[in-house]
Amino acid sequence: MLSSKMSRLACAITALACLMLVGCATQPVTKKDPRDPFERFNRATFAFNEAVDRAVARPVARAYRRVTPDVVEKGVSNFMDNLGYPVVIANDLLQGKFVRALRDTGRLLLNTTLGVGGLFDPATAAGLAKNDEDFGQTLGVWGVPSGPYLVLPFLGPSTVRDGFGTVADQFADPRTYIKDDTVQWSIQALRLVDARARLLSLDATLEETFDRYSFIRNAYLQRRLYLVTDGKSAGEAADEDWLEEAEKEAGLDGTDEERQDEAASPESETEPPTEETPPQENP
């Protein structure tokens, strides 16, 4: 009887140890990020958002892309960008970018008229590039710190500053003033589907990350810093540098292995300096 109990106890301890090892193996080993003091709460919200995305948003976006012709999908994206472009113009003015505000106003007028309500984008061909401004960036230009990183239910990554900015942007967004609830909710639903469809190309990159939460956090924060400073903080780096930096922090760029290979390769060895013969003195 005693040996039987001891055997069961040993089995239970072994099973518990295995579960603990599995739990440790599945949790990414990361150090505390001072930008993310609410990480435990944020990770819980992130897991909820991921579950919603897998169950609803991603399948709907994939179905939308599968059945929608490319020209129609592009037209929907252009229309959504143009509809929300007054937000960009308003924040241009608040940031003191008056020349850009004039150019963005010209872009809005050109796409709304010749672009048939924004379905087409003749402004880009005319040299009026699309800009990205919001009140979160405006607060950053005014010197307001970003505050802690946040993951909002359904909305995804943000910060305290960007959260207030999102609320303020609603006052400049024409979609806020649509009286017909059916039209307003239809436009909002189409906007969400279009936004998720644009991100489908990033799914493969996210699948390769060791810690999706950390990767998305780093990419978001670096992207926002780039936008607030118009790239000046990155030494006038290219627009895609935020993704490369996030990959480095997530350990995806393989720089450590490349450095080891370079250190081991004979080409990395430096040639010893040649000794110069001193000049002979004339007798």
C-alpha atoms as a PDB file:
ATOM      1  CA  MET A   1       0.000   0.000   0.000  1.00  0.00           C
ATOM      2  CA  LEU A   2       2.772   2.411   0.947  1.00  0.00           C
ATOM      3  CA  SER A   3       4.753   1.637  -2.186  1.00  0.00           C
ATOM      4  CA  SER A   4       1.657   2.218  -4.284  1.00  0.00           C
ATOM      5  CA  LYS A   5       1.105   5.655  -2.716  1.00  0.00           C
ATOM      6  CA  MET A   6       4.753   6.531  -3.147  1.00  0.00           C
ATOM      7  CA  SER A   7       4.578   5.488  -6.780  1.00  0.00           C
ATOM      8  CA  ARG A   8       1.533   7.676  -7.409  1.00  0.00           C
ATOM      9  CA  LEU A   9       3.190  10.560  -5.587  1.00  0.00           C
ATOM     10  CA  ALA A  10       6.307  10.174  -7.716  1.00  0.00           C
ATOM     11  CA  CYS A  11       4.209  10.150 -10.879  1.00  0.00           C
ATOM     12  CA  ALA A  12       2.358  13.280  -9.734  1.00  0.00           C
ATOM     13  CA  ILE A  13       5.612  15.097  -8.969  1.00  0.00           C
ATOM     14  CA  THR A  14       7.029  14.057 -12.350  1.00  0.00           C
ATOM     15  CA  ALA A  15       3.903  15.270 -14.178  1.00  0.00           C
ATOM     16  CA  LEU A  16       3.985  18.559 -12.260  1.00  0.00           C
ATOM     17  CA  ALA A  17       7.650  19.043 -13.135  1.00  0.00           C
ATOM     18  CA  CYS A  18       6.919  18.383 -16.807  1.00  0.00           C
ATOM     19  CA  LEU A  19       4.092  20.932 -16.775  1.00  0.00           C
ATOM     20  CA  MET A  20       6.360  23.496 -15.166  1.00  0.00           C
ATOM     21  CA  LEU A  21       9.038  22.886 -17.767  1.00  0.00           C
ATOM     22  CA  VAL A  22       6.522  23.200 -20.592  1.00  0.00           C
ATOM     23  CA  GLY A  23       5.163  26.403 -19.073  1.00  0.00           C
ATOM     24  CA  CYS A  24       8.637  27.872 -18.809  1.00  0.00           C
ATOM     25  CA  ALA A  25       9.423  26.895 -22.393  1.00  0.00           C
ATOM     26  CA  THR A  26       6.286  28.537 -23.770  1.00  0.00           C
ATOM     27  CA  GLN A  27       6.769  31.855 -21.984  1.00  0.00           C
ATOM     28  CA  PRO A  28       9.188  34.191 -23.769  1.00  0.00           C
ATOM     29  CA  VAL A  29      12.070  35.332 -21.631  1.00  0.00           C
ATOM     30  CA  THR A  30      11.982  39.102 -21.823  1.00  0.00           C
ATOM     31  CA  LYS A  31      13.187  41.820 -19.518  1.00  0.00           C
ATOM     32  CA  LYS A  32      10.928  44.552 -18.231  1.00  0.00           C
ATOM     33  CA  ASP A  33      10.438  47.355 -20.736  1.00  0.00           C
ATOM     34  CA  PRO A  34      10.110  50.765 -19.031  1.00  0.00           C
ATOM     35  CA  ARG A  35       7.821  51.907 -21.852  1.00  0.00           C
ATOM     36  CA  ASP A  36       5.357  49.150 -20.944  1.00  0.00           C
ATOM     37  CA  PRO A  37       4.607  49.261 -17.195  1.00  0.00           C
ATOM     38  CA  PHE A  38       1.203  47.599 -17.740  1.00  0.00           C
ATOM     39  CA  GLU A  39       2.625  44.666 -19.677  1.00  0.00           C
ATOM     40  CA  ARG A  40       0.683  42.017 -17.774  1.00  0.00           C
ATOM     41  CA  PHE A  41      -2.631  43.706 -18.517  1.00  0.00           C
ATOM     42  CA  ASN A  42      -1.551  44.511 -22.065  1.00  0.00           C
ATOM     43  CA  ARG A  43      -0.596  40.901 -22.784  1.00  0.00           C
ATOM     44  CA  ALA A  44      -4.003  39.729 -21.579  1.00  0.00           C
ATOM     45  CA  THR A  45      -5.728  42.250 -23.852  1.00  0.00           C
ATOM     46  CA  PHE A  46      -3.380  41.308 -26.690  1.00  0.00           C
ATOM     47  CA  ALA A  47      -4.353  37.628 -26.299  1.00  0.00           C
ATOM     48  CA  PHE A  48      -8.035  38.615 -26.438  1.00  0.00           C
ATOM     49  CA  ASN A  49      -7.487  40.693 -29.576  1.00  0.00           C
ATOM     50  CA  GLU A  50      -5.543  37.850 -31.188  1.00  0.00           C
ATOM     51  CA  ALA A  51      -8.413  35.453 -30.501  1.00  0.00           C
ATOM     52  CA  VAL A  52     -10.905  37.877 -32.054  1.00  0.00           C
ATOM     53  CA  ASP A  53      -8.621  38.374 -35.030  1.00  0.00           C
ATOM     54  CA  ARG A  54      -8.245  34.640 -35.657  1.00  0.00           C
ATOM     55  CA  ALA A  55     -11.953  33.984 -35.243  1.00  0.00           C
ATOM     56  CA  VAL A  56     -13.438  36.949 -37.087  1.00  0.00           C
ATOM     57  CA  ALA A  57     -11.229  39.708 -38.508  1.00  0.00           C
ATOM     58  CA  ARG A  58      -8.653  37.659 -40.393  1.00  0.00           C
ATOM     59  CA  PRO A  59     -11.132  35.221 -42.031  1.00  0.00           C
ATOM     60  CA  VAL A  60     -13.366  38.113 -43.102  1.00  0.00           C
ATOM     61  CA  ALA A  61     -10.399  40.042 -44.515  1.00  0.00           C
ATOM     62  CA  ARG A  62      -9.170  36.989 -46.422  1.00  0.00           C
ATOM     63  CA  ALA A  63     -12.632  36.343 -47.843  1.00  0.00           C
ATOM     64  CA  TYR A  64     -12.944  40.011 -48.795  1.00  0.00           C
ATOM     65  CA  ARG A  65      -9.620  39.921 -50.633  1.00  0.00           C
ATOM     66  CA  ARG A  66     -10.466  36.617 -52.310  1.00  0.00           C
ATOM     67  CA  VAL A  67     -13.800  37.738 -53.787  1.00  0.00           C
ATOM     68  CA  THR A  68     -13.005  41.408 -54.426  1.00  0.00           C
ATOM     69  CA  PRO A  69     -11.258  42.399 -57.683  1.00  0.00           C
ATOM     70  CA  ASP A  70      -8.007  44.262 -57.148  1.00  0.00           C
ATOM     71  CA  VAL A  71      -9.297  47.428 -58.807  1.00  0.00           C
ATOM     72  CA  VAL A  72     -12.349  47.476 -56.517  1.00  0.00           C
ATOM     73  CA  GLU A  73     -10.253  46.800 -53.434  1.00  0.00           C
ATOM     74  CA  LYS A  74      -7.883  49.614 -54.375  1.00  0.00           C
ATOM     75  CA  GLY A  75     -10.857  51.930 -54.940  1.00  0.00           C
ATOM     76  CA  VAL A  76     -12.248  51.141 -51.491  1.00  0.00           C
ATOM     77  CA  SER A  77      -8.864  51.872 -49.885  1.00  0.00           C
ATOM     78  CA  ASN A  78      -8.596  55.161 -51.790  1.00  0.00           C
ATOM     79  CA  PHE A  79     -12.128  56.129 -50.759  1.00  0.00           C
ATOM     80  CA  MET A  80     -11.455  55.425 -47.073  1.00  0.00           C
ATOM     81  CA  ASP A  81      -8.204  57.381 -47.126  1.00  0.00           C
ATOM     82  CA  ASN A  82      -9.855  60.336 -48.833  1.00  0.00           C
ATOM     83  CA  LEU A  83     -12.855  60.310 -46.505  1.00  0.00           C
ATOM     84  CA  GLY A  84     -10.651  60.640 -43.447  1.00  0.00           C
ATOM     85  CA  TYR A  85      -8.183  63.096 -44.970  1.00  0.00           C
ATOM     86  CA  PRO A  86      -9.628  66.203 -43.263  1.00  0.00           C
ATOM     87  CA  VAL A  87      -8.063  64.808 -40.078  1.00  0.00           C
ATOM     88  CA  VAL A  88      -4.647  65.034 -41.755  1.00  0.00           C
ATOM     89  CA  ILE A  89      -5.235  68.633 -42.870  1.00  0.00           C
ATOM     90  CA  ALA A  90      -6.443  69.719 -39.435  1.00  0.00           C
ATOM     91  CA  ASN A  91      -3.333  68.300 -37.764  1.00  0.00           C
ATOM     92  CA  ASP A  92      -1.094  69.844 -40.416  1.00  0.00           C
ATOM     93  CA  LEU A  93      -2.415  73.218 -39.304  1.00  0.00           C
ATOM     94  CA  LEU A  94      -2.133  72.435 -35.600  1.00  0.00           C
ATOM     95  CA  GLN A  95       1.514  71.439 -36.100  1.00  0.00           C
ATOM     96  CA  GLY A  96       2.299  74.617 -38.031  1.00  0.00           C
ATOM     97  CA  LYS A  97       2.891  72.794 -41.321  1.00  0.00           C
ATOM     98  CA  PHE A  98       1.050  75.348 -43.422  1.00  0.00           C
ATOM     99  CA  VAL A  99       2.639  74.522 -46.772  1.00  0.00           C
ATOM    100  CA  ARG A 100       1.870  70.848 -46.284  1.00  0.00           C
ATOM    101  CA  ALA A 101      -1.677  71.759 -45.257  1.00  0.00           C
ATOM    102  CA  LEU A 102      -2.153  73.573 -48.581  1.00  0.00           C
ATOM    103  CA  ARG A 103      -0.781  70.612 -50.509  1.00  0.00           C
ATOM    104  CA  ASP A 104      -2.974  68.171 -48.578  1.00  0.00           C
ATOM    105  CA  THR A 105      -6.001  70.367 -49.186  1.00  0.00           C
ATOM    106  CA  GLY A 106      -5.215  70.306 -52.898  1.00  0.00           C
ATOM    107  CA  ARG A 107      -4.874  66.537 -52.717  1.00  0.00           C
ATOM    108  CA  LEU A 108      -8.279  66.202 -51.035  1.00  0.00           C
ATOM    109  CA  LEU A 109      -9.995  68.463 -53.574  1.00  0.00           C
ATOM    110  CA  LEU A 110      -8.368  66.780 -56.561  1.00  0.00           C
ATOM    111  CA  ASN A 111      -9.190  63.248 -55.433  1.00  0.00           C
ATOM    112  CA  THR A 112     -12.734  64.207 -54.432  1.00  0.00           C
ATOM    113  CA  THR A 113     -13.495  65.792 -57.817  1.00  0.00           C
ATOM    114  CA  LEU A 114     -11.418  64.144 -60.542  1.00  0.00           C
ATOM    115  CA  GLY A 115     -11.034  61.028 -58.413  1.00  0.00           C
ATOM    116  CA  VAL A 116     -14.821  60.476 -58.293  1.00  0.00           C
ATOM    117  CA  GLY A 117     -15.291  60.919 -54.568  1.00  0.00           C
ATOM    118  CA  GLY A 118     -11.891  59.463 -53.767  1.00  0.00           C
ATOM    119  CA  LEU A 119     -12.238  56.147 -55.578  1.00  0.00           C
ATOM    120  CA  PHE A 120      -9.225  57.068 -57.692  1.00  0.00           C
ATOM    121  CA  ASP A 121      -6.000  58.824 -56.744  1.00  0.00           C
ATOM    122  CA  PRO A 122      -5.000  61.337 -59.430  1.00  0.00           C
ATOM    123  CA  ALA A 123      -3.346  63.531 -56.775  1.00  0.00           C
ATOM    124  CA  THR A 124      -0.406  61.158 -56.348  1.00  0.00           C
ATOM    125  CA  ALA A 125       0.240  61.215 -60.079  1.00  0.00           C
ATOM    126  CA  ALA A 126       0.111  65.022 -59.900  1.00  0.00           C
ATOM    127  CA  GLY A 127       2.870  65.050 -57.287  1.00  0.00           C
ATOM    128  CA  LEU A 128       0.682  65.537 -54.206  1.00  0.00           C
ATOM    129  CA  ALA A 129       1.862  62.699 -51.979  1.00  0.00           C
ATOM    130  CA  LYS A 130      -0.297  61.242 -49.220  1.00  0.00           C
ATOM    131  CA  ASN A 131       0.683  62.232 -45.684  1.00  0.00           C
ATOM    132  CA  ASP A 132      -0.154  60.689 -42.329  1.00  0.00           C
ATOM    133  CA  GLU A 133      -0.955  63.045 -39.472  1.00  0.00           C
ATOM    134  CA  ASP A 134      -3.173  62.660 -36.399  1.00  0.00           C
ATOM    135  CA  PHE A 135      -3.700  64.400 -33.075  1.00  0.00           C
ATOM    136  CA  GLY A 136      -1.477  61.920 -31.271  1.00  0.00           C
ATOM    137  CA  GLN A 137       1.380  63.131 -33.460  1.00  0.00           C
ATOM    138  CA  THR A 138       0.323  66.724 -32.865  1.00  0.00           C
ATOM    139  CA  LEU A 139       0.551  66.243 -29.108  1.00  0.00           C
ATOM    140  CA  GLY A 140       4.015  64.756 -29.623  1.00  0.00           C
ATOM    141  CA  VAL A 141       5.087  67.782 -31.671  1.00  0.00           C
ATOM    142  CA  TRP A 142       3.810  70.002 -28.853  1.00  0.00           C
ATOM    143  CA  GLY A 143       6.096  68.161 -26.440  1.00  0.00           C
ATOM    144  CA  VAL A 144       3.587  65.861 -24.739  1.00  0.00           C
ATOM    145  CA  PRO A 145       5.306  62.553 -23.845  1.00  0.00           C
ATOM    146  CA  SER A 146       3.813  59.366 -25.230  1.00  0.00           C
ATOM    147  CA  GLY A 147       3.148  57.885 -21.810  1.00  0.00           C
ATOM    148  CA  PRO A 148       2.841  54.156 -21.128  1.00  0.00           C
ATOM    149  CA  TYR A 149       2.214  51.712 -23.946  1.00  0.00           C
ATOM    150  CA  LEU A 150      -1.338  50.360 -24.029  1.00  0.00           C
ATOM    151  CA  VAL A 151      -3.174  47.597 -25.864  1.00  0.00           C
ATOM    152  CA  LEU A 152      -6.825  48.551 -26.247  1.00  0.00           C
ATOM    153  CA  PRO A 153      -9.555  45.929 -26.699  1.00  0.00           C
ATOM    154  CA  PHE A 154     -10.441  45.572 -30.400  1.00  0.00           C
ATOM    155  CA  LEU A 155      -8.353  48.673 -31.294  1.00  0.00           C
ATOM    156  CA  GLY A 156      -4.886  47.221 -30.703  1.00  0.00           C
ATOM    157  CA  PRO A 157      -1.613  49.012 -29.850  1.00  0.00           C
ATOM    158  CA  SER A 158      -1.648  52.575 -28.585  1.00  0.00           C
ATOM    159  CA  THR A 159      -0.227  54.845 -25.893  1.00  0.00           C
ATOM    160  CA  VAL A 160      -1.885  57.177 -23.401  1.00  0.00           C
ATOM    161  CA  ARG A 161      -1.113  60.116 -25.698  1.00  0.00           C
ATOM    162  CA  ASP A 162      -2.362  58.366 -28.823  1.00  0.00           C
ATOM    163  CA  GLY A 163      -5.514  57.274 -27.009  1.00  0.00           C
ATOM    164  CA  PHE A 164      -6.449  60.899 -26.308  1.00  0.00           C
ATOM    165  CA  GLY A 165      -5.445  61.743 -29.874  1.00  0.00           C
ATOM    166  CA  THR A 166      -7.825  59.146 -31.293  1.00  0.00           C
ATOM    167  CA  VAL A 167     -10.731  60.702 -29.401  1.00  0.00           C
ATOM    168  CA  ALA A 168      -9.813  64.219 -30.537  1.00  0.00           C
ATOM    169  CA  ASP A 169      -9.514  63.152 -34.184  1.00  0.00           C
ATOM    170  CA  GLN A 170     -13.178  62.186 -34.218  1.00  0.00           C
ATOM    171  CA  PHE A 171     -14.139  65.871 -34.235  1.00  0.00           C
ATOM    172  CA  ALA A 172     -12.353  66.389 -37.572  1.00  0.00           C
ATOM    173  CA  ASP A 173     -13.513  63.130 -39.134  1.00  0.00           C
ATOM    174  CA  PRO A 174     -16.495  63.557 -41.496  1.00  0.00           C
ATOM    175  CA  ARG A 175     -17.686  60.049 -40.655  1.00  0.00           C
ATOM    176  CA  THR A 176     -18.593  61.280 -37.168  1.00  0.00           C
ATOM    177  CA  TYR A 177     -21.261  63.596 -38.561  1.00  0.00           C
ATOM    178  CA  ILE A 178     -23.136  61.062 -40.688  1.00  0.00           C
ATOM    179  CA  LYS A 179     -26.670  61.076 -39.299  1.00  0.00           C
ATOM    180  CA  ASP A 180     -27.897  57.847 -40.847  1.00  0.00           C
ATOM    181  CA  ASP A 181     -26.859  55.047 -38.477  1.00  0.00           C
ATOM    182  CA  THR A 182     -27.036  52.424 -41.203  1.00  0.00           C
ATOM    183  CA  VAL A 183     -24.692  54.354 -43.473  1.00  0.00           C
ATOM    184  CA  GLN A 184     -22.329  55.237 -40.645  1.00  0.00           C
ATOM    185  CA  TRP A 185     -22.005  51.661 -39.346  1.00  0.00           C
ATOM    186  CA  SER A 186     -21.666  50.310 -42.874  1.00  0.00           C
ATOM    187  CA  ILE A 187     -18.779  52.687 -43.575  1.00  0.00           C
ATOM    188  CA  GLN A 188     -17.137  51.832 -40.258  1.00  0.00           C
ATOM    189  CA  ALA A 189     -17.437  48.101 -40.929  1.00  0.00           C
ATOM    190  CA  LEU A 190     -15.999  48.484 -44.429  1.00  0.00           C
ATOM    191  CA  ARG A 191     -13.175  50.624 -43.026  1.00  0.00           C
ATOM    192  CA  LEU A 192     -12.234  47.912 -40.523  1.00  0.00           C
ATOM    193  CA  VAL A 193     -12.319  45.177 -43.159  1.00  0.00           C
ATOM    194  CA  ASP A 194     -10.208  47.294 -45.511  1.00  0.00           C
ATOM    195  CA  ALA A 195      -7.715  48.091 -42.738  1.00  0.00           C
ATOM    196  CA  ARG A 196      -7.321  44.413 -41.822  1.00  0.00           C
ATOM    197  CA  ALA A 197      -6.979  43.392 -45.475  1.00  0.00           C
ATOM    198  CA  ARG A 198      -4.066  45.818 -45.862  1.00  0.00           C
ATOM    199  CA  LEU A 199      -2.267  44.057 -42.999  1.00  0.00           C
ATOM    200  CA  LEU A 200      -2.601  40.528 -44.373  1.00  0.00           C
ATOM    201  CA  SER A 201       0.831  40.759 -45.968  1.00  0.00           C
ATOM    202  CA  LEU A 202       2.392  41.127 -42.500  1.00  0.00           C
ATOM    203  CA  ASP A 203       0.912  37.898 -41.144  1.00  0.00           C
ATOM    204  CA  ALA A 204       3.791  35.790 -42.470  1.00  0.00           C
ATOM    205  CA  THR A 205       6.337  38.054 -40.762  1.00  0.00           C
ATOM    206  CA  LEU A 206       4.474  37.880 -37.463  1.00  0.00           C
ATOM    207  CA  GLU A 207       4.328  34.087 -37.635  1.00  0.00           C
ATOM    208  CA  GLU A 208       8.139  33.993 -37.659  1.00  0.00           C
ATOM    209  CA  THR A 209       8.547  36.095 -34.520  1.00  0.00           C
ATOM    210  CA  PHE A 210       9.461  34.515 -31.206  1.00  0.00           C
ATOM    211  CA  ASP A 211       7.303  36.957 -29.240  1.00  0.00           C
ATOM    212  CA  ARG A 212       4.534  38.545 -31.307  1.00  0.00           C
ATOM    213  CA  TYR A 213       3.564  40.903 -28.502  1.00  0.00           C
ATOM    214  CA  SER A 214       7.055  42.391 -28.125  1.00  0.00           C
ATOM    215  CA  PHE A 215       7.541  42.634 -31.882  1.00  0.00           C
ATOM    216  CA  ILE A 216       4.292  44.544 -32.414  1.00  0.00           C
ATOM    217  CA  ARG A 217       4.972  46.788 -29.427  1.00  0.00           C
ATOM    218  CA  ASN A 218       8.466  47.719 -30.611  1.00  0.00           C
ATOM    219  CA  ALA A 219       7.331  48.234 -34.199  1.00  0.00           C
ATOM    220  CA  TYR A 220       4.431  50.422 -33.121  1.00  0.00           C
ATOM    221  CA  LEU A 221       6.455  52.624 -30.765  1.00  0.00           C
ATOM    222  CA  GLN A 222       9.278  53.114 -33.258  1.00  0.00           C
ATOM    223  CA  ARG A 223       6.852  53.851 -36.061  1.00  0.00           C
ATOM    224  CA  ARG A 224       5.068  56.462 -33.964  1.00  0.00           C
ATOM    225  CA  LEU A 225       8.373  58.075 -32.993  1.00  0.00           C
ATOM    226  CA  TYR A 226       9.303  58.252 -36.658  1.00  0.00           C
ATOM    227  CA  LEU A 227       5.993  59.916 -37.537  1.00  0.00           C
ATOM    228  CA  VAL A 228       6.122  62.439 -34.697  1.00  0.00           C
ATOM    229  CA  THR A 229       9.653  63.554 -35.563  1.00  0.00           C
ATOM    230  CA  ASP A 230       9.217  63.214 -39.351  1.00  0.00           C
ATOM    231  CA  GLY A 231      12.149  60.801 -39.368  1.00  0.00           C
ATOM    232  CA  LYS A 232      14.628  63.167 -37.743  1.00  0.00           C
ATOM    233  CA  SER A 233      15.144  60.959 -34.695  1.00  0.00           C
ATOM    234  CA  ALA A 234      16.266  58.115 -36.938  1.00  0.00           C
ATOM    235  CA  GLY A 235      18.874  60.213 -38.708  1.00  0.00           C
ATOM    236  CA  GLU A 236      16.634  60.772 -41.727  1.00  0.00           C
ATOM    237  CA  ALA A 237      16.362  57.001 -42.133  1.00  0.00           C
ATOM    238  CA  ALA A 238      14.140  55.348 -44.693  1.00  0.00           C
ATOM    239  CA  ASP A 239      10.459  54.876 -43.974  1.00  0.00           C
ATOM    240  CA  GLU A 240      10.832  51.126 -43.506  1.00  0.00           C
ATOM    241  CA  ASP A 241      13.558  51.347 -40.849  1.00  0.00           C
ATOM    242  CA  TRP A 242      11.007  51.004 -38.047  1.00  0.00           C
ATOM    243  CA  LEU A 243      10.290  47.438 -39.177  1.00  0.00           C
ATOM    244  CA  GLU A 244      13.961  46.552 -39.417  1.00  0.00           C
ATOM    245  CA  GLU A 245      14.619  47.923 -35.938  1.00  0.00           C
ATOM    246  CA  ALA A 246      11.691  45.966 -34.531  1.00  0.00           C
ATOM    247  CA  GLU A 247      13.017  42.793 -36.151  1.00  0.00           C
ATOM    248  CA  LYS A 248      16.394  43.407 -34.533  1.00  0.00           C
ATOM    249  CA  GLU A 249      14.819  43.712 -31.094  1.00  0.00           C
ATOM    250  CA  ALA A 250      12.796  40.562 -31.736  1.00  0.00           C
ATOM    251  CA  GLY A 251      15.924  38.698 -32.830  1.00  0.00           C
ATOM    252  CA  LEU A 252      14.863  38.121 -36.428  1.00  0.00           C
ATOM    253  CA  ASP A 253      17.607  39.834 -38.367  1.00  0.00           C
ATOM    254  CA  GLY A 254      20.310  37.305 -37.613  1.00  0.00           C
ATOM    255  CA  THR A 255      22.929  39.959 -36.940  1.00  0.00           C
ATOM    256  CA  ASP A 256      24.528  37.938 -34.158  1.00  0.00           C
ATOM    257  CA  GLU A 257      25.107  34.972 -36.441  1.00  0.00           C
ATOM    258  CA  GLU A 258      26.414  37.228 -39.213  1.00  0.00           C
ATOM    259  CA  ARG A 259      28.829  38.882 -36.846  1.00  0.00           C
ATOM    260  CA  GLN A 260      30.077  35.495 -35.649  1.00  0.00           C
ATOM    261  CA  ASP A 261      30.553  34.343 -39.245  1.00  0.00           C
ATOM    262  CA  GLU A 262      32.404  37.525 -40.088  1.00  0.00           C
ATOM    263  CA  ALA A 263      34.614  37.141 -37.057  1.00  0.00           C
ATOM    264  CA  ALA A 264      35.432  33.552 -37.993  1.00  0.00           C
ATOM    265  CA  SER A 265      36.077  34.274 -41.673  1.00  0.00           C
ATOM    266  CA  PRO A 266      39.691  34.836 -42.703  1.00  0.00           C
ATOM    267  CA  GLU A 267      38.693  37.929 -44.676  1.00  0.00           C
ATOM    268  CA  SER A 268      37.842  39.706 -41.446  1.00  0.00           C
ATOM    269  CA  GLU A 269      41.384  39.415 -40.190  1.00  0.00           C
ATOM    270  CA  THR A 270      43.280  42.631 -40.470  1.00  0.00           C
ATOM    271  CA  GLU A 271      46.729  42.652 -41.920  1.00  0.00           C
ATOM    272  CA  PRO A 272      49.488  43.465 -39.448  1.00  0.00           C
ATOM    273  CA  PRO A 273      50.852  46.962 -39.858  1.00  0.00           C
ATOM    274  CA  THR A 274      54.064  47.175 -41.785  1.00  0.00           C
ATOM    275  CA  GLU A 275      57.028  48.525 -39.922  1.00  0.00           C
ATOM    276  CA  GLU A 276      58.466  51.639 -41.448  1.00  0.00           C
ATOM    277  CA  THR A 277      62.238  51.804 -41.651  1.00  0.00           C
ATOM    278  CA  PRO A 278      63.571  54.944 -40.040  1.00  0.00           C
ATOM    279  CA  PRO A 279      65.365  57.328 -42.390  1.00  0.00           C
ATOM    280  CA  GLN A 280      69.127  57.015 -42.383  1.00  0.00           C
ATOM    281  CA  GLU A 281      71.019  60.011 -41.167  1.00  0.00           C
ATOM    282  CA  ASN A 282      73.605  61.531 -43.475  1.00  0.00           C
ATOM    283  CA  PRO A 283      77.126  61.390 -42.084  1.00  0.00           C
END
